[in-house]
């Protein structure tokens, strides 16, 4: 346990928060920046004295339960939470979540996006929910069942899945798909659905087996990509990804630069819907 690092980290994260960030009333002007120690203690359901001793480098080693409470109270990101655990002398928690229940926070954002393609993906590249424009762009994901719900599985078993990307970009996409699966496999383990995907694809695709042997581990979404739609042709889009805290789900939003040909193609897709796309053989 690194008491000095723990104390400094807690203090700096506390000072970076405002009452409104954690649902507290602003109240009168404060003499010091950020939350008060007693506010953090209350949010973490611990005594003010206990929390104060942690910030003053004289507290005992916090339990993992205490650290989880502090991470929630201080609104830590996943990376910050993992750092908190490590400086407190514990291993960072491993997320084993494979839930298909859409994170409410992501769903609230998706509900407000009706003029650009947006979808929520699991860490196995399963589309959990998509808006109307995403269905028009990628096709209706609800038709897929079993392992085919994973875009990674379809990429290596269904050649038509690759027609959405320019031929010159397909090798990079293959590497990205496998590197993303490596992340999920590392988190979930060999006996999980990620492990099942690895076993099945290892037998079904020589390309997958060769890429898997490289041990590339990257969770990434390209900032800019070109997609090829059978009705409107190539569309250049910017991509933004919003992850849940445990990284198990991602809200992917694709946008086109206003007043460009690509922007007009998205508007055309909004009119066409996903009917023509669904009829096209992919």
C-alpha atoms as a PDB file:
ATOM      1  CA  UNK A   1       0.000   0.000   0.000  1.00  0.00           C
ATOM      2  CA  UNK A   2       1.349   3.409  -1.025  1.00  0.00           C
ATOM      3  CA  UNK A   3      -0.199   5.732   1.566  1.00  0.00           C
ATOM      4  CA  UNK A   4       1.262   8.899   0.055  1.00  0.00           C
ATOM      5  CA  UNK A   5       0.000   8.145  -3.458  1.00  0.00           C
ATOM      6  CA  UNK A   6      -3.400   7.079  -2.143  1.00  0.00           C
ATOM      7  CA  UNK A   7      -3.791  10.237  -0.028  1.00  0.00           C
ATOM      8  CA  UNK A   8      -2.764  12.569  -2.848  1.00  0.00           C
ATOM      9  CA  UNK A   9      -4.992  10.827  -5.385  1.00  0.00           C
ATOM     10  CA  UNK A  10      -8.059  10.985  -3.130  1.00  0.00           C
ATOM     11  CA  UNK A  11      -7.508  14.648  -2.366  1.00  0.00           C
ATOM     12  CA  UNK A  12      -7.024  15.652  -5.986  1.00  0.00           C
ATOM     13  CA  UNK A  13     -10.068  13.716  -7.169  1.00  0.00           C
ATOM     14  CA  UNK A  14     -12.167  15.237  -4.381  1.00  0.00           C
ATOM     15  CA  UNK A  15     -11.039  18.749  -5.306  1.00  0.00           C
ATOM     16  CA  UNK A  16     -11.860  18.142  -8.978  1.00  0.00           C
ATOM     17  CA  UNK A  17     -15.544  17.485  -8.241  1.00  0.00           C
ATOM     18  CA  UNK A  18     -18.300  20.022  -7.737  1.00  0.00           C
ATOM     19  CA  UNK A  19     -21.468  19.322  -5.731  1.00  0.00           C
ATOM     20  CA  UNK A  20     -23.572  19.290  -8.872  1.00  0.00           C
ATOM     21  CA  UNK A  21     -21.385  16.503 -10.293  1.00  0.00           C
ATOM     22  CA  UNK A  22     -22.580  14.118  -7.584  1.00  0.00           C
ATOM     23  CA  UNK A  23     -26.164  15.309  -7.185  1.00  0.00           C
ATOM     24  CA  UNK A  24     -25.579  17.607  -4.200  1.00  0.00           C
ATOM     25  CA  UNK A  25     -26.927  21.177  -3.939  1.00  0.00           C
ATOM     26  CA  UNK A  26     -24.391  23.900  -4.693  1.00  0.00           C
ATOM     27  CA  UNK A  27     -25.100  25.847  -1.507  1.00  0.00           C
ATOM     28  CA  UNK A  28     -23.080  28.881  -0.456  1.00  0.00           C
ATOM     29  CA  UNK A  29     -19.701  29.776  -1.924  1.00  0.00           C
ATOM     30  CA  UNK A  30     -16.953  27.441  -0.739  1.00  0.00           C
ATOM     31  CA  UNK A  31     -13.599  28.492   0.603  1.00  0.00           C
ATOM     32  CA  UNK A  32     -11.802  25.500  -0.883  1.00  0.00           C
ATOM     33  CA  UNK A  33     -12.284  23.892  -4.313  1.00  0.00           C
ATOM     34  CA  UNK A  34     -14.238  20.705  -4.801  1.00  0.00           C
ATOM     35  CA  UNK A  35     -16.212  18.582  -2.383  1.00  0.00           C
ATOM     36  CA  UNK A  36     -15.762  18.601   1.376  1.00  0.00           C
ATOM     37  CA  UNK A  37     -14.336  15.529   3.059  1.00  0.00           C
ATOM     38  CA  UNK A  38     -17.568  14.898   4.913  1.00  0.00           C
ATOM     39  CA  UNK A  39     -19.463  14.939   1.617  1.00  0.00           C
ATOM     40  CA  UNK A  40     -17.210  12.287   0.114  1.00  0.00           C
ATOM     41  CA  UNK A  41     -17.483  10.218   3.288  1.00  0.00           C
ATOM     42  CA  UNK A  42     -21.263  10.443   3.178  1.00  0.00           C
ATOM     43  CA  UNK A  43     -21.385   9.456  -0.475  1.00  0.00           C
ATOM     44  CA  UNK A  44     -19.089   6.505   0.228  1.00  0.00           C
ATOM     45  CA  UNK A  45     -21.069   5.484   3.332  1.00  0.00           C
ATOM     46  CA  UNK A  46     -18.114   5.734   5.699  1.00  0.00           C
ATOM     47  CA  UNK A  47     -17.209   7.934   8.652  1.00  0.00           C
ATOM     48  CA  UNK A  48     -15.644  11.332   8.029  1.00  0.00           C
ATOM     49  CA  UNK A  49     -12.860  10.413  10.427  1.00  0.00           C
ATOM     50  CA  UNK A  50     -12.000   7.280   8.458  1.00  0.00           C
ATOM     51  CA  UNK A  51     -11.880   9.166   5.155  1.00  0.00           C
ATOM     52  CA  UNK A  52      -9.885  12.035   6.689  1.00  0.00           C
ATOM     53  CA  UNK A  53      -7.248   9.624   7.962  1.00  0.00           C
ATOM     54  CA  UNK A  54      -6.867   8.206   4.454  1.00  0.00           C
ATOM     55  CA  UNK A  55      -6.193  11.682   3.057  1.00  0.00           C
ATOM     56  CA  UNK A  56      -3.743  12.352   5.876  1.00  0.00           C
ATOM     57  CA  UNK A  57      -1.685   9.210   5.167  1.00  0.00           C
ATOM     58  CA  UNK A  58      -2.472   7.611   8.512  1.00  0.00           C
ATOM     59  CA  UNK A  59      -5.419   5.363   7.774  1.00  0.00           C
ATOM     60  CA  UNK A  60      -5.474   1.557   7.631  1.00  0.00           C
ATOM     61  CA  UNK A  61      -5.501  -0.309   4.342  1.00  0.00           C
ATOM     62  CA  UNK A  62      -9.003   0.076   2.885  1.00  0.00           C
ATOM     63  CA  UNK A  63     -10.904  -3.087   2.013  1.00  0.00           C
ATOM     64  CA  UNK A  64     -11.983  -3.752  -1.551  1.00  0.00           C
ATOM     65  CA  UNK A  65     -15.540  -2.918  -0.504  1.00  0.00           C
ATOM     66  CA  UNK A  66     -14.380   0.464   0.804  1.00  0.00           C
ATOM     67  CA  UNK A  67     -12.478   1.134  -2.400  1.00  0.00           C
ATOM     68  CA  UNK A  68     -15.526   0.318  -4.501  1.00  0.00           C
ATOM     69  CA  UNK A  69     -17.540   2.814  -2.442  1.00  0.00           C
ATOM     70  CA  UNK A  70     -14.857   5.474  -2.863  1.00  0.00           C
ATOM     71  CA  UNK A  71     -14.676   4.869  -6.614  1.00  0.00           C
ATOM     72  CA  UNK A  72     -18.432   5.417  -6.911  1.00  0.00           C
ATOM     73  CA  UNK A  73     -18.394   8.468  -4.629  1.00  0.00           C
ATOM     74  CA  UNK A  74     -15.573  10.130  -6.548  1.00  0.00           C
ATOM     75  CA  UNK A  75     -17.075   9.209  -9.949  1.00  0.00           C
ATOM     76  CA  UNK A  76     -13.850   7.529 -11.048  1.00  0.00           C
ATOM     77  CA  UNK A  77     -13.279   6.242 -14.536  1.00  0.00           C
ATOM     78  CA  UNK A  78     -12.291   2.601 -14.969  1.00  0.00           C
ATOM     79  CA  UNK A  79      -8.616   3.535 -15.271  1.00  0.00           C
ATOM     80  CA  UNK A  80      -8.822   5.724 -12.173  1.00  0.00           C
ATOM     81  CA  UNK A  81     -10.625   3.008 -10.252  1.00  0.00           C
ATOM     82  CA  UNK A  82      -7.967   0.467 -11.165  1.00  0.00           C
ATOM     83  CA  UNK A  83      -5.254   2.894 -10.062  1.00  0.00           C
ATOM     84  CA  UNK A  84      -7.035   3.438  -6.748  1.00  0.00           C
ATOM     85  CA  UNK A  85      -7.074  -0.298  -6.065  1.00  0.00           C
ATOM     86  CA  UNK A  86      -3.425  -0.708  -6.930  1.00  0.00           C
ATOM     87  CA  UNK A  87      -2.064   2.127  -4.781  1.00  0.00           C
ATOM     88  CA  UNK A  88      -4.204   0.778  -1.934  1.00  0.00           C
ATOM     89  CA  UNK A  89      -2.439  -2.574  -2.275  1.00  0.00           C
ATOM     90  CA  UNK A  90      -5.150  -4.568  -4.057  1.00  0.00           C
ATOM     91  CA  UNK A  91      -5.485  -6.068  -7.517  1.00  0.00           C
ATOM     92  CA  UNK A  92      -7.736  -4.131  -9.844  1.00  0.00           C
ATOM     93  CA  UNK A  93     -11.189  -5.745 -10.168  1.00  0.00           C
ATOM     94  CA  UNK A  94     -11.860  -7.763 -13.295  1.00  0.00           C
ATOM     95  CA  UNK A  95     -15.198  -7.341 -15.050  1.00  0.00           C
ATOM     96  CA  UNK A  96     -16.777 -10.645 -15.992  1.00  0.00           C
ATOM     97  CA  UNK A  97     -19.990  -9.092 -17.171  1.00  0.00           C
ATOM     98  CA  UNK A  98     -21.492 -10.514 -20.331  1.00  0.00           C
ATOM     99  CA  UNK A  99     -24.925  -9.052 -19.844  1.00  0.00           C
ATOM    100  CA  UNK A 100     -26.969  -8.140 -22.886  1.00  0.00           C
ATOM    101  CA  UNK A 101     -28.979  -5.684 -20.802  1.00  0.00           C
ATOM    102  CA  UNK A 102     -28.236  -2.255 -22.258  1.00  0.00           C
ATOM    103  CA  UNK A 103     -26.647   0.135 -19.807  1.00  0.00           C
ATOM    104  CA  UNK A 104     -29.320   2.747 -18.953  1.00  0.00           C
ATOM    105  CA  UNK A 105     -26.888   5.654 -19.356  1.00  0.00           C
ATOM    106  CA  UNK A 106     -26.041   4.615 -22.918  1.00  0.00           C
ATOM    107  CA  UNK A 107     -29.671   4.030 -23.751  1.00  0.00           C
ATOM    108  CA  UNK A 108     -30.608   7.534 -22.568  1.00  0.00           C
ATOM    109  CA  UNK A 109     -28.057   8.990 -24.976  1.00  0.00           C
ATOM    110  CA  UNK A 110     -29.129   6.737 -27.843  1.00  0.00           C
ATOM    111  CA  UNK A 111     -32.753   7.768 -27.362  1.00  0.00           C
ATOM    112  CA  UNK A 112     -31.769  11.350 -28.193  1.00  0.00           C
ATOM    113  CA  UNK A 113     -29.946  10.488 -31.408  1.00  0.00           C
ATOM    114  CA  UNK A 114     -32.377  10.272 -34.287  1.00  0.00           C
ATOM    115  CA  UNK A 115     -30.505  12.112 -37.043  1.00  0.00           C
ATOM    116  CA  UNK A 116     -27.293  10.065 -37.177  1.00  0.00           C
ATOM    117  CA  UNK A 117     -26.478   6.323 -36.975  1.00  0.00           C
ATOM    118  CA  UNK A 118     -25.931   5.097 -33.401  1.00  0.00           C
ATOM    119  CA  UNK A 119     -25.823   1.653 -31.818  1.00  0.00           C
ATOM    120  CA  UNK A 120     -24.833  -0.050 -28.576  1.00  0.00           C
ATOM    121  CA  UNK A 121     -22.374  -2.951 -28.874  1.00  0.00           C
ATOM    122  CA  UNK A 122     -21.287  -5.606 -26.411  1.00  0.00           C
ATOM    123  CA  UNK A 123     -17.610  -6.421 -26.001  1.00  0.00           C
ATOM    124  CA  UNK A 124     -18.193  -9.320 -28.416  1.00  0.00           C
ATOM    125  CA  UNK A 125     -19.386  -6.873 -31.104  1.00  0.00           C
ATOM    126  CA  UNK A 126     -23.023  -7.892 -30.675  1.00  0.00           C
ATOM    127  CA  UNK A 127     -25.469  -5.129 -31.541  1.00  0.00           C
ATOM    128  CA  UNK A 128     -27.649  -4.806 -28.449  1.00  0.00           C
ATOM    129  CA  UNK A 129     -29.762  -1.939 -29.766  1.00  0.00           C
ATOM    130  CA  UNK A 130     -29.589   0.336 -32.802  1.00  0.00           C
ATOM    131  CA  UNK A 131     -31.499   3.363 -33.980  1.00  0.00           C
ATOM    132  CA  UNK A 132     -33.299   3.618 -37.301  1.00  0.00           C
ATOM    133  CA  UNK A 133     -30.357   5.091 -39.212  1.00  0.00           C
ATOM    134  CA  UNK A 134     -27.933   2.474 -37.891  1.00  0.00           C
ATOM    135  CA  UNK A 135     -30.284  -0.233 -39.159  1.00  0.00           C
ATOM    136  CA  UNK A 136     -30.401   1.523 -42.533  1.00  0.00           C
ATOM    137  CA  UNK A 137     -26.597   1.666 -42.642  1.00  0.00           C
ATOM    138  CA  UNK A 138     -25.614  -1.725 -41.216  1.00  0.00           C
ATOM    139  CA  UNK A 139     -28.791  -3.766 -41.641  1.00  0.00           C
ATOM    140  CA  UNK A 140     -31.226  -5.037 -39.040  1.00  0.00           C
ATOM    141  CA  UNK A 141     -29.112  -6.760 -36.375  1.00  0.00           C
ATOM    142  CA  UNK A 142     -32.115  -8.399 -34.714  1.00  0.00           C
ATOM    143  CA  UNK A 143     -32.217 -11.110 -37.408  1.00  0.00           C
ATOM    144  CA  UNK A 144     -28.985 -12.691 -36.149  1.00  0.00           C
ATOM    145  CA  UNK A 145     -29.040 -15.472 -33.561  1.00  0.00           C
ATOM    146  CA  UNK A 146     -26.506 -17.604 -31.710  1.00  0.00           C
ATOM    147  CA  UNK A 147     -22.846 -16.912 -32.384  1.00  0.00           C
ATOM    148  CA  UNK A 148     -23.868 -14.982 -35.501  1.00  0.00           C
ATOM    149  CA  UNK A 149     -25.015 -12.159 -33.234  1.00  0.00           C
ATOM    150  CA  UNK A 150     -21.324 -11.281 -32.993  1.00  0.00           C
ATOM    151  CA  UNK A 151     -19.989  -9.225 -35.883  1.00  0.00           C
ATOM    152  CA  UNK A 152     -16.617 -10.858 -35.212  1.00  0.00           C
ATOM    153  CA  UNK A 153     -18.075 -14.294 -35.917  1.00  0.00           C
ATOM    154  CA  UNK A 154     -19.831 -13.085 -39.064  1.00  0.00           C
ATOM    155  CA  UNK A 155     -16.686 -11.348 -40.316  1.00  0.00           C
ATOM    156  CA  UNK A 156     -14.766 -14.623 -40.458  1.00  0.00           C
ATOM    157  CA  UNK A 157     -17.596 -16.958 -41.522  1.00  0.00           C
ATOM    158  CA  UNK A 158     -19.769 -14.923 -43.891  1.00  0.00           C
ATOM    159  CA  UNK A 159     -17.951 -13.335 -46.876  1.00  0.00           C
ATOM    160  CA  UNK A 160     -20.865 -11.002 -47.563  1.00  0.00           C
ATOM    161  CA  UNK A 161     -20.234  -9.325 -44.185  1.00  0.00           C
ATOM    162  CA  UNK A 162     -17.081  -7.752 -45.615  1.00  0.00           C
ATOM    163  CA  UNK A 163     -18.816  -5.938 -48.467  1.00  0.00           C
ATOM    164  CA  UNK A 164     -19.613  -3.095 -46.082  1.00  0.00           C
ATOM    165  CA  UNK A 165     -15.923  -2.123 -46.102  1.00  0.00           C
ATOM    166  CA  UNK A 166     -13.669  -1.161 -49.036  1.00  0.00           C
ATOM    167  CA  UNK A 167     -11.439  -4.039 -50.105  1.00  0.00           C
ATOM    168  CA  UNK A 168      -8.279  -2.120 -49.182  1.00  0.00           C
ATOM    169  CA  UNK A 169      -9.498  -1.786 -45.587  1.00  0.00           C
ATOM    170  CA  UNK A 170     -10.494  -5.396 -44.938  1.00  0.00           C
ATOM    171  CA  UNK A 171      -7.134  -6.685 -43.690  1.00  0.00           C
ATOM    172  CA  UNK A 172      -7.015  -3.933 -41.083  1.00  0.00           C
ATOM    173  CA  UNK A 173     -10.571  -4.735 -40.088  1.00  0.00           C
ATOM    174  CA  UNK A 174      -9.671  -8.399 -39.616  1.00  0.00           C
ATOM    175  CA  UNK A 175      -6.829  -7.487 -37.272  1.00  0.00           C
ATOM    176  CA  UNK A 176      -9.039  -5.081 -35.340  1.00  0.00           C
ATOM    177  CA  UNK A 177     -11.779  -7.682 -34.910  1.00  0.00           C
ATOM    178  CA  UNK A 178      -9.347 -10.240 -33.483  1.00  0.00           C
ATOM    179  CA  UNK A 179      -7.590  -7.701 -31.258  1.00  0.00           C
ATOM    180  CA  UNK A 180     -10.954  -6.639 -29.823  1.00  0.00           C
ATOM    181  CA  UNK A 181     -11.884 -10.260 -29.152  1.00  0.00           C
ATOM    182  CA  UNK A 182      -8.575 -10.698 -27.311  1.00  0.00           C
ATOM    183  CA  UNK A 183      -9.651  -8.005 -24.843  1.00  0.00           C
ATOM    184  CA  UNK A 184     -12.986  -9.730 -24.139  1.00  0.00           C
ATOM    185  CA  UNK A 185     -11.289 -13.132 -23.908  1.00  0.00           C
ATOM    186  CA  UNK A 186      -8.794 -11.790 -21.382  1.00  0.00           C
ATOM    187  CA  UNK A 187     -11.583 -10.374 -19.234  1.00  0.00           C
ATOM    188  CA  UNK A 188     -14.074 -13.252 -19.470  1.00  0.00           C
ATOM    189  CA  UNK A 189     -11.817 -16.293 -19.697  1.00  0.00           C
ATOM    190  CA  UNK A 190     -11.651 -19.451 -21.803  1.00  0.00           C
ATOM    191  CA  UNK A 191     -14.978 -20.855 -20.531  1.00  0.00           C
ATOM    192  CA  UNK A 192     -16.977 -17.782 -21.500  1.00  0.00           C
ATOM    193  CA  UNK A 193     -18.800 -16.991 -24.742  1.00  0.00           C
ATOM    194  CA  UNK A 194     -15.640 -15.177 -25.810  1.00  0.00           C
ATOM    195  CA  UNK A 195     -13.789 -18.459 -25.358  1.00  0.00           C
ATOM    196  CA  UNK A 196     -16.437 -20.271 -27.376  1.00  0.00           C
ATOM    197  CA  UNK A 197     -16.006 -17.777 -30.207  1.00  0.00           C
ATOM    198  CA  UNK A 198     -12.261 -18.333 -30.180  1.00  0.00           C
ATOM    199  CA  UNK A 199     -12.617 -22.114 -30.328  1.00  0.00           C
ATOM    200  CA  UNK A 200     -15.206 -22.081 -33.107  1.00  0.00           C
ATOM    201  CA  UNK A 201     -13.439 -19.478 -35.235  1.00  0.00           C
ATOM    202  CA  UNK A 202     -10.083 -21.163 -34.750  1.00  0.00           C
ATOM    203  CA  UNK A 203     -11.507 -24.212 -36.533  1.00  0.00           C
ATOM    204  CA  UNK A 204     -13.633 -22.345 -39.070  1.00  0.00           C
ATOM    205  CA  UNK A 205     -11.136 -19.757 -40.338  1.00  0.00           C
ATOM    206  CA  UNK A 206      -7.421 -20.101 -41.086  1.00  0.00           C
ATOM    207  CA  UNK A 207      -7.201 -16.308 -41.252  1.00  0.00           C
ATOM    208  CA  UNK A 208      -8.601 -16.005 -37.744  1.00  0.00           C
ATOM    209  CA  UNK A 209      -6.246 -18.680 -36.401  1.00  0.00           C
ATOM    210  CA  UNK A 210      -3.221 -16.896 -37.872  1.00  0.00           C
ATOM    211  CA  UNK A 211      -4.285 -13.508 -36.473  1.00  0.00           C
ATOM    212  CA  UNK A 212      -5.145 -14.984 -33.069  1.00  0.00           C
ATOM    213  CA  UNK A 213      -1.624 -16.389 -32.830  1.00  0.00           C
ATOM    214  CA  UNK A 214      -0.217 -12.830 -33.032  1.00  0.00           C
ATOM    215  CA  UNK A 215      -1.610 -12.009 -29.571  1.00  0.00           C
ATOM    216  CA  UNK A 216      -2.573  -8.451 -30.510  1.00  0.00           C
ATOM    217  CA  UNK A 217      -4.726  -6.922 -27.754  1.00  0.00           C
ATOM    218  CA  UNK A 218      -6.403  -3.610 -28.591  1.00  0.00           C
ATOM    219  CA  UNK A 219      -9.837  -2.160 -27.899  1.00  0.00           C
ATOM    220  CA  UNK A 220     -10.262   0.491 -30.537  1.00  0.00           C
ATOM    221  CA  UNK A 221     -12.658   2.187 -32.874  1.00  0.00           C
ATOM    222  CA  UNK A 222     -11.297   4.141 -35.822  1.00  0.00           C
ATOM    223  CA  UNK A 223     -11.959   7.871 -35.677  1.00  0.00           C
ATOM    224  CA  UNK A 224     -12.699   7.909 -39.392  1.00  0.00           C
ATOM    225  CA  UNK A 225     -13.884   5.147 -41.694  1.00  0.00           C
ATOM    226  CA  UNK A 226     -15.434   4.520 -45.085  1.00  0.00           C
ATOM    227  CA  UNK A 227     -18.473   2.236 -45.372  1.00  0.00           C
ATOM    228  CA  UNK A 228     -19.927   0.971 -48.633  1.00  0.00           C
ATOM    229  CA  UNK A 229     -23.729   0.881 -48.769  1.00  0.00           C
ATOM    230  CA  UNK A 230     -25.414  -1.024 -51.634  1.00  0.00           C
ATOM    231  CA  UNK A 231     -27.875   1.803 -52.309  1.00  0.00           C
ATOM    232  CA  UNK A 232     -25.937   5.040 -51.787  1.00  0.00           C
ATOM    233  CA  UNK A 233     -22.333   3.896 -52.274  1.00  0.00           C
ATOM    234  CA  UNK A 234     -19.271   4.815 -50.213  1.00  0.00           C
ATOM    235  CA  UNK A 235     -19.857   7.045 -47.182  1.00  0.00           C
ATOM    236  CA  UNK A 236     -17.045   8.607 -45.164  1.00  0.00           C
ATOM    237  CA  UNK A 237     -17.982   8.886 -41.491  1.00  0.00           C
ATOM    238  CA  UNK A 238     -16.423  10.030 -38.242  1.00  0.00           C
ATOM    239  CA  UNK A 239     -16.826   7.636 -35.301  1.00  0.00           C
ATOM    240  CA  UNK A 240     -17.097   8.373 -31.603  1.00  0.00           C
ATOM    241  CA  UNK A 241     -17.268   5.666 -28.929  1.00  0.00           C
ATOM    242  CA  UNK A 242     -18.706   6.009 -25.428  1.00  0.00           C
ATOM    243  CA  UNK A 243     -17.927   3.108 -23.067  1.00  0.00           C
ATOM    244  CA  UNK A 244     -19.649   1.973 -19.915  1.00  0.00           C
ATOM    245  CA  UNK A 245     -17.476   2.074 -16.793  1.00  0.00           C
ATOM    246  CA  UNK A 246     -16.675  -1.637 -16.980  1.00  0.00           C
ATOM    247  CA  UNK A 247     -15.965  -1.375 -20.733  1.00  0.00           C
ATOM    248  CA  UNK A 248     -18.457  -4.167 -21.458  1.00  0.00           C
ATOM    249  CA  UNK A 249     -20.727  -2.013 -23.650  1.00  0.00           C
ATOM    250  CA  UNK A 250     -20.063   0.748 -26.159  1.00  0.00           C
ATOM    251  CA  UNK A 251     -22.248   3.419 -27.694  1.00  0.00           C
ATOM    252  CA  UNK A 252     -20.926   3.998 -31.214  1.00  0.00           C
ATOM    253  CA  UNK A 253     -22.040   7.181 -32.984  1.00  0.00           C
ATOM    254  CA  UNK A 254     -21.252   7.835 -36.647  1.00  0.00           C
ATOM    255  CA  UNK A 255     -21.502  11.301 -38.140  1.00  0.00           C
ATOM    256  CA  UNK A 256     -20.786  12.984 -41.462  1.00  0.00           C
ATOM    257  CA  UNK A 257     -19.398  16.477 -41.947  1.00  0.00           C
ATOM    258  CA  UNK A 258     -22.313  18.882 -42.553  1.00  0.00           C
ATOM    259  CA  UNK A 259     -22.868  20.189 -46.077  1.00  0.00           C
ATOM    260  CA  UNK A 260     -20.877  17.382 -47.680  1.00  0.00           C
ATOM    261  CA  UNK A 261     -21.867  14.611 -50.095  1.00  0.00           C
ATOM    262  CA  UNK A 262     -21.554  12.100 -47.251  1.00  0.00           C
ATOM    263  CA  UNK A 263     -23.955  14.133 -45.122  1.00  0.00           C
ATOM    264  CA  UNK A 264     -26.478  14.112 -47.948  1.00  0.00           C
ATOM    265  CA  UNK A 265     -26.085  10.337 -48.318  1.00  0.00           C
ATOM    266  CA  UNK A 266     -27.009   9.896 -44.656  1.00  0.00           C
ATOM    267  CA  UNK A 267     -30.081  12.045 -45.231  1.00  0.00           C
ATOM    268  CA  UNK A 268     -30.987   9.839 -48.179  1.00  0.00           C
ATOM    269  CA  UNK A 269     -30.601   6.739 -45.998  1.00  0.00           C
ATOM    270  CA  UNK A 270     -33.027   8.263 -43.532  1.00  0.00           C
ATOM    271  CA  UNK A 271     -35.590   8.385 -46.338  1.00  0.00           C
ATOM    272  CA  UNK A 272     -34.808   4.930 -47.742  1.00  0.00           C
ATOM    273  CA  UNK A 273     -34.887   3.164 -44.382  1.00  0.00           C
ATOM    274  CA  UNK A 274     -33.407  -0.301 -44.099  1.00  0.00           C
ATOM    275  CA  UNK A 275     -35.772  -2.016 -46.489  1.00  0.00           C
ATOM    276  CA  UNK A 276     -33.585  -1.791 -49.613  1.00  0.00           C
ATOM    277  CA  UNK A 277     -30.522  -2.709 -47.562  1.00  0.00           C
ATOM    278  CA  UNK A 278     -32.188  -5.748 -46.085  1.00  0.00           C
ATOM    279  CA  UNK A 279     -33.147  -6.959 -49.557  1.00  0.00           C
ATOM    280  CA  UNK A 280     -29.629  -6.661 -50.866  1.00  0.00           C
ATOM    281  CA  UNK A 281     -27.634  -9.859 -50.511  1.00  0.00           C
ATOM    282  CA  UNK A 282     -24.638  -9.241 -48.312  1.00  0.00           C
END
